[in-house]
């Protein structure tokens, strides 16, 4: 292999290690729990702020229940749950042997 491509075995191993590190970082960055939790927290803050000082017409529409406040609090709690779950159980790193076995099986 090193004769044909002009790269030494050490260079190839180093590049593979760098790609593995990038792959692990990318999988942690795009974990759905982070995206879902972040969006629920942002929207929860917005809806909670809207529900702090409701108008009389919005209370009349919801039959006296401050639905924006309760929905915002629920969204905040759900978002915090997802972010806490991500923090307590992070995505495990991808093992090279696992990826090689999957590619051979396909």
PDB file of N, CA and C in Angstrom:
ATOM      1  N   UNK A   1       0.824  -1.189   0.000  1.00  0.00           N
ATOM      2  CA  UNK A   1       0.000   0.000   0.000  1.00  0.00           C
ATOM      3  C   UNK A   1       0.865   1.248   0.000  1.00  0.00           C
ATOM      4  N   UNK A   2       1.923   1.252   0.803  1.00  0.00           N
ATOM      5  CA  UNK A   2       2.767   2.438   0.868  1.00  0.00           C
ATOM      6  C   UNK A   2       3.553   2.641  -0.416  1.00  0.00           C
ATOM      7  N   UNK A   3       3.764   1.577  -1.198  1.00  0.00           N
ATOM      8  CA  UNK A   3       4.488   1.712  -2.451  1.00  0.00           C
ATOM      9  C   UNK A   3       3.636   2.421  -3.506  1.00  0.00           C
ATOM     10  N   UNK A   4       2.353   2.145  -3.537  1.00  0.00           N
ATOM     11  CA  UNK A   4       1.476   2.696  -4.563  1.00  0.00           C
ATOM     12  C   UNK A   4       1.049   4.127  -4.280  1.00  0.00           C
ATOM     13  N   UNK A   5       0.752   4.433  -3.063  1.00  0.00           N
ATOM     14  CA  UNK A   5       0.173   5.742  -2.769  1.00  0.00           C
ATOM     15  C   UNK A   5       1.190   6.779  -2.323  1.00  0.00           C
ATOM     16  N   UNK A   6       2.360   6.391  -1.919  1.00  0.00           N
ATOM     17  CA  UNK A   6       3.360   7.344  -1.474  1.00  0.00           C
ATOM     18  C   UNK A   6       3.209   7.737  -0.020  1.00  0.00           C
ATOM     19  N   UNK A   7       2.294   7.097   0.716  1.00  0.00           N
ATOM     20  CA  UNK A   7       2.081   7.375   2.129  1.00  0.00           C
ATOM     21  C   UNK A   7       2.611   6.216   2.953  1.00  0.00           C
ATOM     22  N   UNK A   8       3.247   6.540   4.063  1.00  0.00           N
ATOM     23  CA  UNK A   8       3.739   5.485   4.946  1.00  0.00           C
ATOM     24  C   UNK A   8       2.587   4.948   5.793  1.00  0.00           C
ATOM     25  N   UNK A   9       2.818   3.802   6.373  1.00  0.00           N
ATOM     26  CA  UNK A   9       1.797   3.181   7.236  1.00  0.00           C
ATOM     27  C   UNK A   9       1.505   4.076   8.437  1.00  0.00           C
ATOM     28  N   UNK A  10       2.533   4.746   8.940  1.00  0.00           N
ATOM     29  CA  UNK A  10       2.353   5.645  10.080  1.00  0.00           C
ATOM     30  C   UNK A  10       1.435   6.810   9.717  1.00  0.00           C
ATOM     31  N   UNK A  11       1.604   7.368   8.512  1.00  0.00           N
ATOM     32  CA  UNK A  11       0.746   8.474   8.074  1.00  0.00           C
ATOM     33  C   UNK A  11      -0.713   8.040   7.964  1.00  0.00           C
ATOM     34  N   UNK A  12      -0.913   6.839   7.452  1.00  0.00           N
ATOM     35  CA  UNK A  12      -2.265   6.323   7.303  1.00  0.00           C
ATOM     36  C   UNK A  12      -2.899   6.117   8.675  1.00  0.00           C
ATOM     37  N   UNK A  13      -2.167   5.549   9.622  1.00  0.00           N
ATOM     38  CA  UNK A  13      -2.689   5.322  10.968  1.00  0.00           C
ATOM     39  C   UNK A  13      -3.014   6.644  11.658  1.00  0.00           C
ATOM     40  N   UNK A  14      -2.167   7.637  11.471  1.00  0.00           N
ATOM     41  CA  UNK A  14      -2.401   8.945  12.076  1.00  0.00           C
ATOM     42  C   UNK A  14      -3.668   9.583  11.511  1.00  0.00           C
ATOM     43  N   UNK A  15      -3.842   9.476  10.200  1.00  0.00           N
ATOM     44  CA  UNK A  15      -5.031  10.055   9.575  1.00  0.00           C
ATOM     45  C   UNK A  15      -6.302   9.323  10.016  1.00  0.00           C
ATOM     46  N   UNK A  16      -6.214   8.007  10.159  1.00  0.00           N
ATOM     47  CA  UNK A  16      -7.363   7.238  10.646  1.00  0.00           C
ATOM     48  C   UNK A  16      -7.721   7.671  12.064  1.00  0.00           C
ATOM     49  N   UNK A  17      -6.716   7.879  12.911  1.00  0.00           N
ATOM     50  CA  UNK A  17      -6.972   8.321  14.284  1.00  0.00           C
ATOM     51  C   UNK A  17      -7.634   9.693  14.312  1.00  0.00           C
ATOM     52  N   UNK A  18      -7.189  10.599  13.429  1.00  0.00           N
ATOM     53  CA  UNK A  18      -7.793  11.928  13.370  1.00  0.00           C
ATOM     54  C   UNK A  18      -9.257  11.845  12.920  1.00  0.00           C
ATOM     55  N   UNK A  19      -9.533  11.004  11.926  1.00  0.00           N
ATOM     56  CA  UNK A  19     -10.910  10.855  11.443  1.00  0.00           C
ATOM     57  C   UNK A  19     -11.805  10.231  12.497  1.00  0.00           C
ATOM     58  N   UNK A  20     -11.271   9.287  13.276  1.00  0.00           N
ATOM     59  CA  UNK A  20     -12.062   8.697  14.358  1.00  0.00           C
ATOM     60  C   UNK A  20     -12.423   9.757  15.391  1.00  0.00           C
ATOM     61  N   UNK A  21     -11.459  10.618  15.728  1.00  0.00           N
ATOM     62  CA  UNK A  21     -11.734  11.688  16.690  1.00  0.00           C
ATOM     63  C   UNK A  21     -12.788  12.649  16.186  1.00  0.00           C
ATOM     64  N   UNK A  22     -12.712  13.005  14.907  1.00  0.00           N
ATOM     65  CA  UNK A  22     -13.707  13.906  14.321  1.00  0.00           C
ATOM     66  C   UNK A  22     -15.085  13.261  14.295  1.00  0.00           C
ATOM     67  N   UNK A  23     -15.142  11.986  13.989  1.00  0.00           N
ATOM     68  CA  UNK A  23     -16.418  11.271  13.934  1.00  0.00           C
ATOM     69  C   UNK A  23     -17.082  11.239  15.304  1.00  0.00           C
ATOM     70  N   UNK A  24     -16.300  10.963  16.340  1.00  0.00           N
ATOM     71  CA  UNK A  24     -16.845  10.928  17.692  1.00  0.00           C
ATOM     72  C   UNK A  24     -17.350  12.302  18.102  1.00  0.00           C
ATOM     73  N   UNK A  25     -16.579  13.342  17.781  1.00  0.00           N
ATOM     74  CA  UNK A  25     -16.997  14.705  18.105  1.00  0.00           C
ATOM     75  C   UNK A  25     -18.272  15.067  17.360  1.00  0.00           C
ATOM     76  N   UNK A  26     -18.367  14.704  16.095  1.00  0.00           N
ATOM     77  CA  UNK A  26     -19.556  15.019  15.303  1.00  0.00           C
ATOM     78  C   UNK A  26     -20.773  14.276  15.832  1.00  0.00           C
ATOM     79  N   UNK A  27     -20.604  13.016  16.230  1.00  0.00           N
ATOM     80  CA  UNK A  27     -21.759  12.264  16.731  1.00  0.00           C
ATOM     81  C   UNK A  27     -22.252  12.839  18.050  1.00  0.00           C
ATOM     82  N   UNK A  28     -21.352  13.346  18.867  1.00  0.00           N
ATOM     83  CA  UNK A  28     -21.784  13.968  20.125  1.00  0.00           C
ATOM     84  C   UNK A  28     -22.417  15.327  19.883  1.00  0.00           C
ATOM     85  N   UNK A  29     -21.904  16.054  18.899  1.00  0.00           N
ATOM     86  CA  UNK A  29     -22.434  17.381  18.605  1.00  0.00           C
ATOM     87  C   UNK A  29     -23.854  17.301  18.047  1.00  0.00           C
ATOM     88  N   UNK A  30     -24.135  16.299  17.231  1.00  0.00           N
ATOM     89  CA  UNK A  30     -25.440  16.188  16.594  1.00  0.00           C
ATOM     90  C   UNK A  30     -26.326  15.151  17.273  1.00  0.00           C
ATOM     91  N   UNK A  31     -26.115  14.936  18.549  1.00  0.00           N
ATOM     92  CA  UNK A  31     -26.980  14.041  19.309  1.00  0.00           C
ATOM     93  C   UNK A  31     -28.368  14.679  19.385  1.00  0.00           C
ATOM     94  N   UNK A  32     -29.397  13.912  19.080  1.00  0.00           N
ATOM     95  CA  UNK A  32     -30.755  14.457  19.049  1.00  0.00           C
ATOM     96  C   UNK A  32     -31.217  14.992  20.396  1.00  0.00           C
ATOM     97  N   UNK A  33     -30.696  14.425  21.479  1.00  0.00           N
ATOM     98  CA  UNK A  33     -31.102  14.919  22.796  1.00  0.00           C
ATOM     99  C   UNK A  33     -30.668  16.364  22.988  1.00  0.00           C
ATOM    100  N   UNK A  34     -29.520  16.738  22.445  1.00  0.00           N
ATOM    101  CA  UNK A  34     -29.053  18.121  22.551  1.00  0.00           C
ATOM    102  C   UNK A  34     -29.946  19.055  21.750  1.00  0.00           C
ATOM    103  N   UNK A  35     -30.271  18.662  20.540  1.00  0.00           N
ATOM    104  CA  UNK A  35     -31.094  19.504  19.672  1.00  0.00           C
ATOM    105  C   UNK A  35     -32.507  19.645  20.247  1.00  0.00           C
ATOM    106  N   UNK A  36     -33.124  18.527  20.605  1.00  0.00           N
ATOM    107  CA  UNK A  36     -34.490  18.566  21.137  1.00  0.00           C
ATOM    108  C   UNK A  36     -34.536  19.308  22.465  1.00  0.00           C
ATOM    109  N   UNK A  37     -33.598  18.999  23.359  1.00  0.00           N
ATOM    110  CA  UNK A  37     -33.563  19.676  24.656  1.00  0.00           C
ATOM    111  C   UNK A  37     -33.346  21.166  24.526  1.00  0.00           C
ATOM    112  N   UNK A  38     -32.434  21.560  23.651  1.00  0.00           N
ATOM    113  CA  UNK A  38     -32.169  22.987  23.451  1.00  0.00           C
ATOM    114  C   UNK A  38     -33.376  23.726  22.903  1.00  0.00           C
ATOM    115  N   UNK A  39     -34.045  23.124  21.927  1.00  0.00           N
ATOM    116  CA  UNK A  39     -35.234  23.773  21.364  1.00  0.00           C
ATOM    117  C   UNK A  39     -36.367  23.880  22.385  1.00  0.00           C
ATOM    118  N   UNK A  40     -36.583  22.828  23.167  1.00  0.00           N
ATOM    119  CA  UNK A  40     -37.631  22.895  24.183  1.00  0.00           C
ATOM    120  C   UNK A  40     -37.321  23.957  25.237  1.00  0.00           C
ATOM    121  N   UNK A  41     -36.057  24.086  25.613  1.00  0.00           N
ATOM    122  CA  UNK A  41     -35.705  25.112  26.596  1.00  0.00           C
ATOM    123  C   UNK A  41     -35.939  26.509  26.020  1.00  0.00           C
ATOM    124  N   UNK A  42     -35.497  26.742  24.784  1.00  0.00           N
ATOM    125  CA  UNK A  42     -35.672  28.071  24.169  1.00  0.00           C
ATOM    126  C   UNK A  42     -37.155  28.411  24.027  1.00  0.00           C
ATOM    127  N   UNK A  43     -37.931  27.487  23.454  1.00  0.00           N
ATOM    128  CA  UNK A  43     -39.360  27.758  23.293  1.00  0.00           C
ATOM    129  C   UNK A  43     -40.079  27.810  24.635  1.00  0.00           C
ATOM    130  N   UNK A  44     -39.630  27.029  25.598  1.00  0.00           N
ATOM    131  CA  UNK A  44     -40.223  27.069  26.929  1.00  0.00           C
ATOM    132  C   UNK A  44     -40.035  28.421  27.591  1.00  0.00           C
ATOM    133  N   UNK A  45     -38.853  28.996  27.427  1.00  0.00           N
ATOM    134  CA  UNK A  45     -38.607  30.340  27.979  1.00  0.00           C
ATOM    135  C   UNK A  45     -39.526  31.357  27.313  1.00  0.00           C
ATOM    136  N   UNK A  46     -39.651  31.278  25.996  1.00  0.00           N
ATOM    137  CA  UNK A  46     -40.494  32.234  25.267  1.00  0.00           C
ATOM    138  C   UNK A  46     -41.957  32.116  25.700  1.00  0.00           C
ATOM    139  N   UNK A  47     -42.462  30.894  25.775  1.00  0.00           N
ATOM    140  CA  UNK A  47     -43.869  30.699  26.133  1.00  0.00           C
ATOM    141  C   UNK A  47     -44.104  31.056  27.600  1.00  0.00           C
ATOM    142  N   UNK A  48     -43.143  30.759  28.469  1.00  0.00           N
ATOM    143  CA  UNK A  48     -43.294  31.119  29.883  1.00  0.00           C
ATOM    144  C   UNK A  48     -43.334  32.632  30.059  1.00  0.00           C
ATOM    145  N   UNK A  49     -42.476  33.337  29.339  1.00  0.00           N
ATOM    146  CA  UNK A  49     -42.483  34.806  29.405  1.00  0.00           C
ATOM    147  C   UNK A  49     -43.827  35.343  28.917  1.00  0.00           C
ATOM    148  N   UNK A  50     -44.357  34.727  27.847  1.00  0.00           N
ATOM    149  CA  UNK A  50     -45.668  35.159  27.350  1.00  0.00           C
ATOM    150  C   UNK A  50     -46.771  34.861  28.369  1.00  0.00           C
ATOM    151  N   UNK A  51     -46.595  33.840  29.195  1.00  0.00           N
ATOM    152  CA  UNK A  51     -47.625  33.464  30.157  1.00  0.00           C
ATOM    153  C   UNK A  51     -47.511  34.154  31.494  1.00  0.00           C
ATOM    154  N   UNK A  52     -46.430  34.876  31.735  1.00  0.00           N
ATOM    155  CA  UNK A  52     -46.263  35.546  33.038  1.00  0.00           C
ATOM    156  C   UNK A  52     -47.305  36.646  33.228  1.00  0.00           C
ATOM    157  N   UNK A  53     -47.572  37.396  32.192  1.00  0.00           N
ATOM    158  CA  UNK A  53     -48.531  38.493  32.296  1.00  0.00           C
ATOM    159  C   UNK A  53     -49.594  38.320  31.212  1.00  0.00           C
ATOM    160  N   UNK A  54     -50.568  37.436  31.418  1.00  0.00           N
ATOM    161  CA  UNK A  54     -51.547  37.163  30.360  1.00  0.00           C
ATOM    162  C   UNK A  54     -52.587  38.276  30.243  1.00  0.00           C
ATOM    163  N   UNK A  55     -53.136  38.376  29.066  1.00  0.00           N
ATOM    164  CA  UNK A  55     -54.228  39.336  28.878  1.00  0.00           C
ATOM    165  C   UNK A  55     -55.548  38.687  29.299  1.00  0.00           C
ATOM    166  N   UNK A  56     -56.537  39.514  29.527  1.00  0.00           N
ATOM    167  CA  UNK A  56     -57.847  38.998  29.925  1.00  0.00           C
ATOM    168  C   UNK A  56     -58.473  38.158  28.814  1.00  0.00           C
ATOM    169  N   UNK A  57     -58.238  38.572  27.563  1.00  0.00           N
ATOM    170  CA  UNK A  57     -58.836  37.817  26.455  1.00  0.00           C
ATOM    171  C   UNK A  57     -58.225  36.415  26.334  1.00  0.00           C
ATOM    172  N   UNK A  58     -56.919  36.285  26.583  1.00  0.00           N
ATOM    173  CA  UNK A  58     -56.314  34.952  26.501  1.00  0.00           C
ATOM    174  C   UNK A  58     -56.777  34.068  27.658  1.00  0.00           C
ATOM    175  N   UNK A  59     -57.022  34.660  28.814  1.00  0.00           N
ATOM    176  CA  UNK A  59     -57.560  33.883  29.936  1.00  0.00           C
ATOM    177  C   UNK A  59     -59.006  33.470  29.679  1.00  0.00           C
ATOM    178  N   UNK A  60     -59.768  34.342  29.027  1.00  0.00           N
ATOM    179  CA  UNK A  60     -61.150  33.993  28.690  1.00  0.00           C
ATOM    180  C   UNK A  60     -61.203  32.853  27.670  1.00  0.00           C
ATOM    181  N   UNK A  61     -60.291  32.881  26.709  1.00  0.00           N
ATOM    182  CA  UNK A  61     -60.261  31.828  25.700  1.00  0.00           C
ATOM    183  C   UNK A  61     -59.935  30.468  26.311  1.00  0.00           C
ATOM    184  N   UNK A  62     -59.108  30.472  27.341  1.00  0.00           N
ATOM    185  CA  UNK A  62     -58.692  29.200  27.956  1.00  0.00           C
ATOM    186  C   UNK A  62     -59.467  28.899  29.234  1.00  0.00           C
ATOM    187  N   UNK A  63     -60.602  29.556  29.406  1.00  0.00           N
ATOM    188  CA  UNK A  63     -61.496  29.339  30.539  1.00  0.00           C
ATOM    189  C   UNK A  63     -60.816  29.542  31.893  1.00  0.00           C
ATOM    190  N   UNK A  64     -60.002  30.588  31.987  1.00  0.00           N
ATOM    191  CA  UNK A  64     -59.380  30.973  33.250  1.00  0.00           C
ATOM    192  C   UNK A  64     -58.055  30.292  33.552  1.00  0.00           C
ATOM    193  N   UNK A  65     -57.629  29.381  32.701  1.00  0.00           N
ATOM    194  CA  UNK A  65     -56.348  28.698  32.926  1.00  0.00           C
ATOM    195  C   UNK A  65     -55.261  29.432  32.149  1.00  0.00           C
ATOM    196  N   UNK A  66     -54.179  29.737  32.809  1.00  0.00           N
ATOM    197  CA  UNK A  66     -53.059  30.408  32.138  1.00  0.00           C
ATOM    198  C   UNK A  66     -52.251  29.343  31.380  1.00  0.00           C
ATOM    199  N   UNK A  67     -52.749  28.980  30.214  1.00  0.00           N
ATOM    200  CA  UNK A  67     -52.199  27.856  29.458  1.00  0.00           C
ATOM    201  C   UNK A  67     -50.774  28.133  28.970  1.00  0.00           C
ATOM    202  N   UNK A  68     -50.462  29.388  28.657  1.00  0.00           N
ATOM    203  CA  UNK A  68     -49.106  29.711  28.215  1.00  0.00           C
ATOM    204  C   UNK A  68     -48.094  29.472  29.335  1.00  0.00           C
ATOM    205  N   UNK A  69     -48.442  29.851  30.534  1.00  0.00           N
ATOM    206  CA  UNK A  69     -47.520  29.661  31.654  1.00  0.00           C
ATOM    207  C   UNK A  69     -47.295  28.175  31.925  1.00  0.00           C
ATOM    208  N   UNK A  70     -48.372  27.402  31.988  1.00  0.00           N
ATOM    209  CA  UNK A  70     -48.242  25.977  32.281  1.00  0.00           C
ATOM    210  C   UNK A  70     -47.540  25.214  31.156  1.00  0.00           C
ATOM    211  N   UNK A  71     -47.839  25.566  29.923  1.00  0.00           N
ATOM    212  CA  UNK A  71     -47.168  24.918  28.787  1.00  0.00           C
ATOM    213  C   UNK A  71     -45.693  25.292  28.745  1.00  0.00           C
ATOM    214  N   UNK A  72     -45.385  26.552  29.020  1.00  0.00           N
ATOM    215  CA  UNK A  72     -43.988  26.984  29.045  1.00  0.00           C
ATOM    216  C   UNK A  72     -43.189  26.278  30.120  1.00  0.00           C
ATOM    217  N   UNK A  73     -43.772  26.141  31.297  1.00  0.00           N
ATOM    218  CA  UNK A  73     -43.086  25.431  32.388  1.00  0.00           C
ATOM    219  C   UNK A  73     -42.876  23.966  32.007  1.00  0.00           C
ATOM    220  N   UNK A  74     -43.878  23.343  31.410  1.00  0.00           N
ATOM    221  CA  UNK A  74     -43.746  21.940  30.991  1.00  0.00           C
ATOM    222  C   UNK A  74     -42.663  21.790  29.920  1.00  0.00           C
ATOM    223  N   UNK A  75     -42.613  22.725  28.991  1.00  0.00           N
ATOM    224  CA  UNK A  75     -41.579  22.666  27.955  1.00  0.00           C
ATOM    225  C   UNK A  75     -40.189  22.859  28.545  1.00  0.00           C
ATOM    226  N   UNK A  76     -40.079  23.776  29.507  1.00  0.00           N
ATOM    227  CA  UNK A  76     -38.793  23.967  30.179  1.00  0.00           C
ATOM    228  C   UNK A  76     -38.349  22.702  30.900  1.00  0.00           C
ATOM    229  N   UNK A  77     -39.268  22.071  31.611  1.00  0.00           N
ATOM    230  CA  UNK A  77     -38.927  20.846  32.331  1.00  0.00           C
ATOM    231  C   UNK A  77     -38.526  19.721  31.379  1.00  0.00           C
ATOM    232  N   UNK A  78     -39.238  19.596  30.255  1.00  0.00           N
ATOM    233  CA  UNK A  78     -38.889  18.565  29.283  1.00  0.00           C
ATOM    234  C   UNK A  78     -37.515  18.836  28.663  1.00  0.00           C
ATOM    235  N   UNK A  79     -37.245  20.087  28.332  1.00  0.00           N
ATOM    236  CA  UNK A  79     -35.937  20.435  27.777  1.00  0.00           C
ATOM    237  C   UNK A  79     -34.810  20.186  28.760  1.00  0.00           C
ATOM    238  N   UNK A  80     -35.032  20.528  30.029  1.00  0.00           N
ATOM    239  CA  UNK A  80     -34.020  20.280  31.060  1.00  0.00           C
ATOM    240  C   UNK A  80     -33.819  18.775  31.250  1.00  0.00           C
ATOM    241  N   UNK A  81     -34.909  18.004  31.141  1.00  0.00           N
ATOM    242  CA  UNK A  81     -34.798  16.551  31.231  1.00  0.00           C
ATOM    243  C   UNK A  81     -33.896  16.004  30.122  1.00  0.00           C
ATOM    244  N   UNK A  82     -34.114  16.437  28.877  1.00  0.00           N
ATOM    245  CA  UNK A  82     -33.301  15.963  27.763  1.00  0.00           C
ATOM    246  C   UNK A  82     -31.836  16.366  27.931  1.00  0.00           C
ATOM    247  N   UNK A  83     -31.578  17.589  28.348  1.00  0.00           N
ATOM    248  CA  UNK A  83     -30.200  18.036  28.531  1.00  0.00           C
ATOM    249  C   UNK A  83     -29.533  17.311  29.700  1.00  0.00           C
ATOM    250  N   UNK A  84     -30.294  17.060  30.770  1.00  0.00           N
ATOM    251  CA  UNK A  84     -29.747  16.293  31.890  1.00  0.00           C
ATOM    252  C   UNK A  84     -29.450  14.863  31.498  1.00  0.00           C
ATOM    253  N   UNK A  85     -30.332  14.280  30.698  1.00  0.00           N
ATOM    254  CA  UNK A  85     -30.124  12.920  30.208  1.00  0.00           C
ATOM    255  C   UNK A  85     -28.854  12.851  29.377  1.00  0.00           C
ATOM    256  N   UNK A  86     -28.641  13.850  28.538  1.00  0.00           N
ATOM    257  CA  UNK A  86     -27.425  13.897  27.715  1.00  0.00           C
ATOM    258  C   UNK A  86     -26.187  14.012  28.590  1.00  0.00           C
ATOM    259  N   UNK A  87     -26.269  14.808  29.633  1.00  0.00           N
ATOM    260  CA  UNK A  87     -25.119  15.016  30.509  1.00  0.00           C
ATOM    261  C   UNK A  87     -24.818  13.763  31.348  1.00  0.00           C
ATOM    262  N   UNK A  88     -25.871  13.088  31.822  1.00  0.00           N
ATOM    263  CA  UNK A  88     -25.665  11.911  32.658  1.00  0.00           C
ATOM    264  C   UNK A  88     -25.289  10.672  31.853  1.00  0.00           C
ATOM    265  N   UNK A  89     -25.810  10.558  30.639  1.00  0.00           N
ATOM    266  CA  UNK A  89     -25.529   9.393  29.790  1.00  0.00           C
ATOM    267  C   UNK A  89     -25.035   9.868  28.425  1.00  0.00           C
ATOM    268  N   UNK A  90     -23.778  10.302  28.329  1.00  0.00           N
ATOM    269  CA  UNK A  90     -23.277  10.807  27.042  1.00  0.00           C
ATOM    270  C   UNK A  90     -23.177   9.692  26.000  1.00  0.00           C
ATOM    271  N   UNK A  91     -23.097  10.107  24.762  1.00  0.00           N
ATOM    272  CA  UNK A  91     -22.978   9.161  23.666  1.00  0.00           C
ATOM    273  C   UNK A  91     -21.648   8.433  23.775  1.00  0.00           C
ATOM    274  N   UNK A  92     -21.662   7.096  23.774  1.00  0.00           N
ATOM    275  CA  UNK A  92     -20.393   6.371  23.864  1.00  0.00           C
ATOM    276  C   UNK A  92     -19.592   6.547  22.579  1.00  0.00           C
ATOM    277  N   UNK A  93     -18.265   6.568  22.683  1.00  0.00           N
ATOM    278  CA  UNK A  93     -17.453   6.717  21.472  1.00  0.00           C
ATOM    279  C   UNK A  93     -17.589   5.493  20.570  1.00  0.00           C
ATOM    280  N   UNK A  94     -17.496   5.731  19.288  1.00  0.00           N
ATOM    281  CA  UNK A  94     -17.604   4.655  18.311  1.00  0.00           C
ATOM    282  C   UNK A  94     -16.284   3.896  18.271  1.00  0.00           C
ATOM    283  N   UNK A  95     -16.368   2.594  18.424  1.00  0.00           N
ATOM    284  CA  UNK A  95     -15.174   1.758  18.370  1.00  0.00           C
ATOM    285  C   UNK A  95     -14.877   1.413  16.919  1.00  0.00           C
ATOM    286  N   UNK A  96     -13.591   1.396  16.568  1.00  0.00           N
ATOM    287  CA  UNK A  96     -13.179   1.112  15.199  1.00  0.00           C
ATOM    288  C   UNK A  96     -13.549  -0.315  14.819  1.00  0.00           C
ATOM    289  N   UNK A  97     -13.427  -1.257  15.744  1.00  0.00           N
ATOM    290  CA  UNK A  97     -13.750  -2.649  15.453  1.00  0.00           C
ATOM    291  C   UNK A  97     -15.232  -2.806  15.135  1.00  0.00           C
ATOM    292  N   UNK A  98     -16.091  -2.063  15.826  1.00  0.00           N
ATOM    293  CA  UNK A  98     -17.527  -2.138  15.570  1.00  0.00           C
ATOM    294  C   UNK A  98     -17.860  -1.651  14.167  1.00  0.00           C
ATOM    295  N   UNK A  99     -17.226  -0.571  13.747  1.00  0.00           N
ATOM    296  CA  UNK A  99     -17.483  -0.014  12.429  1.00  0.00           C
ATOM    297  C   UNK A  99     -16.975  -0.966  11.346  1.00  0.00           C
ATOM    298  N   UNK A 100     -15.809  -1.564  11.568  1.00  0.00           N
ATOM    299  CA  UNK A 100     -15.252  -2.506  10.586  1.00  0.00           C
ATOM    300  C   UNK A 100     -16.141  -3.732  10.458  1.00  0.00           C
ATOM    301  N   UNK A 101     -16.681  -4.234  11.565  1.00  0.00           N
ATOM    302  CA  UNK A 101     -17.570  -5.389  11.510  1.00  0.00           C
ATOM    303  C   UNK A 101     -18.859  -5.068  10.772  1.00  0.00           C
ATOM    304  N   UNK A 102     -19.400  -3.873  10.973  1.00  0.00           N
ATOM    305  CA  UNK A 102     -20.621  -3.474  10.282  1.00  0.00           C
ATOM    306  C   UNK A 102     -20.393  -3.366   8.780  1.00  0.00           C
ATOM    307  N   UNK A 103     -19.234  -2.824   8.385  1.00  0.00           N
ATOM    308  CA  UNK A 103     -18.930  -2.687   6.964  1.00  0.00           C
ATOM    309  C   UNK A 103     -18.714  -4.043   6.313  1.00  0.00           C
ATOM    310  N   UNK A 104     -18.105  -4.981   7.016  1.00  0.00           N
ATOM    311  CA  UNK A 104     -17.885  -6.310   6.460  1.00  0.00           C
ATOM    312  C   UNK A 104     -19.192  -7.068   6.320  1.00  0.00           C
ATOM    313  N   UNK A 105     -20.117  -6.858   7.255  1.00  0.00           N
ATOM    314  CA  UNK A 105     -21.396  -7.541   7.212  1.00  0.00           C
ATOM    315  C   UNK A 105     -22.323  -7.025   6.134  1.00  0.00           C
ATOM    316  N   UNK A 106     -22.125  -5.796   5.705  1.00  0.00           N
ATOM    317  CA  UNK A 106     -23.016  -5.172   4.703  1.00  0.00           C
ATOM    318  C   UNK A 106     -22.712  -5.633   3.309  1.00  0.00           C
TER     319      UNK A 106
END
